[in-house]
C-alpha cells in the first residue's frame, strides 16, 4: 500500500501536469473523467512520476492506471523493488 508521502507526491505531480491546484486532486479521482487528462497528458504524467520518484515504469501498464490512488499504489510497488 502507498504511504502518505507517495500519495502526496503523486497529487503534486498530477496537479503540475494537469494545471490544477493540488487541493483539487482527490485520491479517488479518475485522471480522465474527473481531472480531464487528455492522452498526451497521460504520457506526461507517467514521465512526471518517473522523474519525481526516479523510477522506470512500464509505459503500457502505467497508462492503464485510472485513479490517483491507483497511481500511488503502482508507484509504491516500483519503490519496493
C-alpha atoms as a PDB file:
ATOM      1  CA  UNK A   1       0.000   0.000   0.000  1.00  0.00           C
ATOM      2  CA  UNK A   2       1.191   3.507  -0.812  1.00  0.00           C
ATOM      3  CA  UNK A   3       2.230   5.668   2.111  1.00  0.00           C
ATOM      4  CA  UNK A   4       1.047   9.238   2.639  1.00  0.00           C
ATOM      5  CA  UNK A   5       4.250  10.739   1.227  1.00  0.00           C
ATOM      6  CA  UNK A   6       3.939   8.771  -2.016  1.00  0.00           C
ATOM      7  CA  UNK A   7       0.299   9.807  -2.406  1.00  0.00           C
ATOM      8  CA  UNK A   8       1.120  13.480  -1.730  1.00  0.00           C
ATOM      9  CA  UNK A   9       3.904  13.413  -4.327  1.00  0.00           C
ATOM     10  CA  UNK A  10       1.566  11.795  -6.891  1.00  0.00           C
ATOM     11  CA  UNK A  11      -1.005  14.525  -6.196  1.00  0.00           C
ATOM     12  CA  UNK A  12       1.671  17.229  -6.586  1.00  0.00           C
ATOM     13  CA  UNK A  13       2.861  15.862  -9.953  1.00  0.00           C
ATOM     14  CA  UNK A  14      -0.722  15.387 -11.151  1.00  0.00           C
ATOM     15  CA  UNK A  15      -1.585  18.989 -10.279  1.00  0.00           C
ATOM     16  CA  UNK A  16       1.527  20.324 -12.009  1.00  0.00           C
ATOM     17  CA  UNK A  17       0.989  18.325 -15.223  1.00  0.00           C
ATOM     18  CA  UNK A  18      -2.754  18.990 -15.452  1.00  0.00           C
ATOM     19  CA  UNK A  19      -2.585  22.616 -14.304  1.00  0.00           C
ATOM     20  CA  UNK A  20      -4.655  22.010 -11.190  1.00  0.00           C
ATOM     21  CA  UNK A  21      -4.224  23.083  -7.608  1.00  0.00           C
ATOM     22  CA  UNK A  22      -3.220  20.006  -5.586  1.00  0.00           C
ATOM     23  CA  UNK A  23      -6.266  20.599  -3.363  1.00  0.00           C
ATOM     24  CA  UNK A  24      -8.428  19.783  -6.419  1.00  0.00           C
ATOM     25  CA  UNK A  25      -6.796  16.363  -6.843  1.00  0.00           C
ATOM     26  CA  UNK A  26      -8.562  13.746  -4.693  1.00  0.00           C
ATOM     27  CA  UNK A  27      -7.072  10.277  -4.199  1.00  0.00           C
ATOM     28  CA  UNK A  28     -10.121   8.638  -5.784  1.00  0.00           C
ATOM     29  CA  UNK A  29     -10.162  10.987  -8.778  1.00  0.00           C
ATOM     30  CA  UNK A  30     -10.035   9.401 -12.221  1.00  0.00           C
ATOM     31  CA  UNK A  31      -7.342  11.029 -14.359  1.00  0.00           C
ATOM     32  CA  UNK A  32      -9.539  11.266 -17.451  1.00  0.00           C
ATOM     33  CA  UNK A  33     -13.112  11.547 -16.204  1.00  0.00           C
ATOM     34  CA  UNK A  34     -12.589  13.616 -13.052  1.00  0.00           C
ATOM     35  CA  UNK A  35      -9.399  15.548 -13.802  1.00  0.00           C
ATOM     36  CA  UNK A  36      -9.767  15.978 -17.568  1.00  0.00           C
ATOM     37  CA  UNK A  37      -6.440  14.429 -18.579  1.00  0.00           C
ATOM     38  CA  UNK A  38      -6.002  14.034 -22.320  1.00  0.00           C
ATOM     39  CA  UNK A  39      -3.982  11.213 -23.856  1.00  0.00           C
ATOM     40  CA  UNK A  40      -0.898  13.407 -24.338  1.00  0.00           C
ATOM     41  CA  UNK A  41      -1.112  14.460 -20.693  1.00  0.00           C
ATOM     42  CA  UNK A  42      -1.270  10.808 -19.625  1.00  0.00           C
ATOM     43  CA  UNK A  43       2.179  10.304 -21.127  1.00  0.00           C
ATOM     44  CA  UNK A  44       3.355  13.497 -19.392  1.00  0.00           C
ATOM     45  CA  UNK A  45       2.012  12.157 -16.093  1.00  0.00           C
ATOM     46  CA  UNK A  46       3.985   8.927 -16.479  1.00  0.00           C
ATOM     47  CA  UNK A  47       7.144  10.898 -17.274  1.00  0.00           C
ATOM     48  CA  UNK A  48       6.466  13.202 -14.326  1.00  0.00           C
ATOM     49  CA  UNK A  49       6.058  10.254 -11.945  1.00  0.00           C
ATOM     50  CA  UNK A  50       9.232   8.639 -13.258  1.00  0.00           C
ATOM     51  CA  UNK A  51      11.174  11.857 -12.693  1.00  0.00           C
ATOM     52  CA  UNK A  52       9.662  12.550  -9.260  1.00  0.00           C
ATOM     53  CA  UNK A  53      10.351   9.051  -7.941  1.00  0.00           C
ATOM     54  CA  UNK A  54      13.477   8.276 -10.013  1.00  0.00           C
ATOM     55  CA  UNK A  55      11.976   5.048 -11.368  1.00  0.00           C
ATOM     56  CA  UNK A  56      11.278   3.475 -14.751  1.00  0.00           C
ATOM     57  CA  UNK A  57       7.725   2.306 -15.292  1.00  0.00           C
ATOM     58  CA  UNK A  58       6.303   0.067 -17.989  1.00  0.00           C
ATOM     59  CA  UNK A  59       4.538   2.609 -20.201  1.00  0.00           C
ATOM     60  CA  UNK A  60       1.631   0.326 -21.142  1.00  0.00           C
ATOM     61  CA  UNK A  61       0.944  -0.739 -17.555  1.00  0.00           C
ATOM     62  CA  UNK A  62       1.323   2.814 -16.264  1.00  0.00           C
ATOM     63  CA  UNK A  63      -1.129   4.197 -18.825  1.00  0.00           C
ATOM     64  CA  UNK A  64      -3.706   1.612 -17.706  1.00  0.00           C
ATOM     65  CA  UNK A  65      -3.789   3.159 -14.205  1.00  0.00           C
ATOM     66  CA  UNK A  66      -7.066   5.034 -13.775  1.00  0.00           C
ATOM     67  CA  UNK A  67      -7.039   6.926 -10.474  1.00  0.00           C
ATOM     68  CA  UNK A  68      -4.649   8.978  -8.362  1.00  0.00           C
ATOM     69  CA  UNK A  69      -4.710   6.358  -5.581  1.00  0.00           C
ATOM     70  CA  UNK A  70      -4.055   3.568  -8.106  1.00  0.00           C
ATOM     71  CA  UNK A  71      -1.062   5.530  -9.419  1.00  0.00           C
ATOM     72  CA  UNK A  72       0.325   5.854  -5.896  1.00  0.00           C
ATOM     73  CA  UNK A  73      -0.125   2.092  -5.359  1.00  0.00           C
ATOM     74  CA  UNK A  74       1.502   1.324  -8.715  1.00  0.00           C
ATOM     75  CA  UNK A  75       4.477   3.557  -7.900  1.00  0.00           C
ATOM     76  CA  UNK A  76       4.783   2.108  -4.377  1.00  0.00           C
ATOM     77  CA  UNK A  77       5.251  -1.347  -5.922  1.00  0.00           C
ATOM     78  CA  UNK A  78       8.139   0.022  -8.010  1.00  0.00           C
ATOM     79  CA  UNK A  79       9.689   1.659  -4.955  1.00  0.00           C
ATOM     80  CA  UNK A  80       9.603  -1.643  -3.065  1.00  0.00           C
ATOM     81  CA  UNK A  81      11.745  -3.379  -5.698  1.00  0.00           C
END
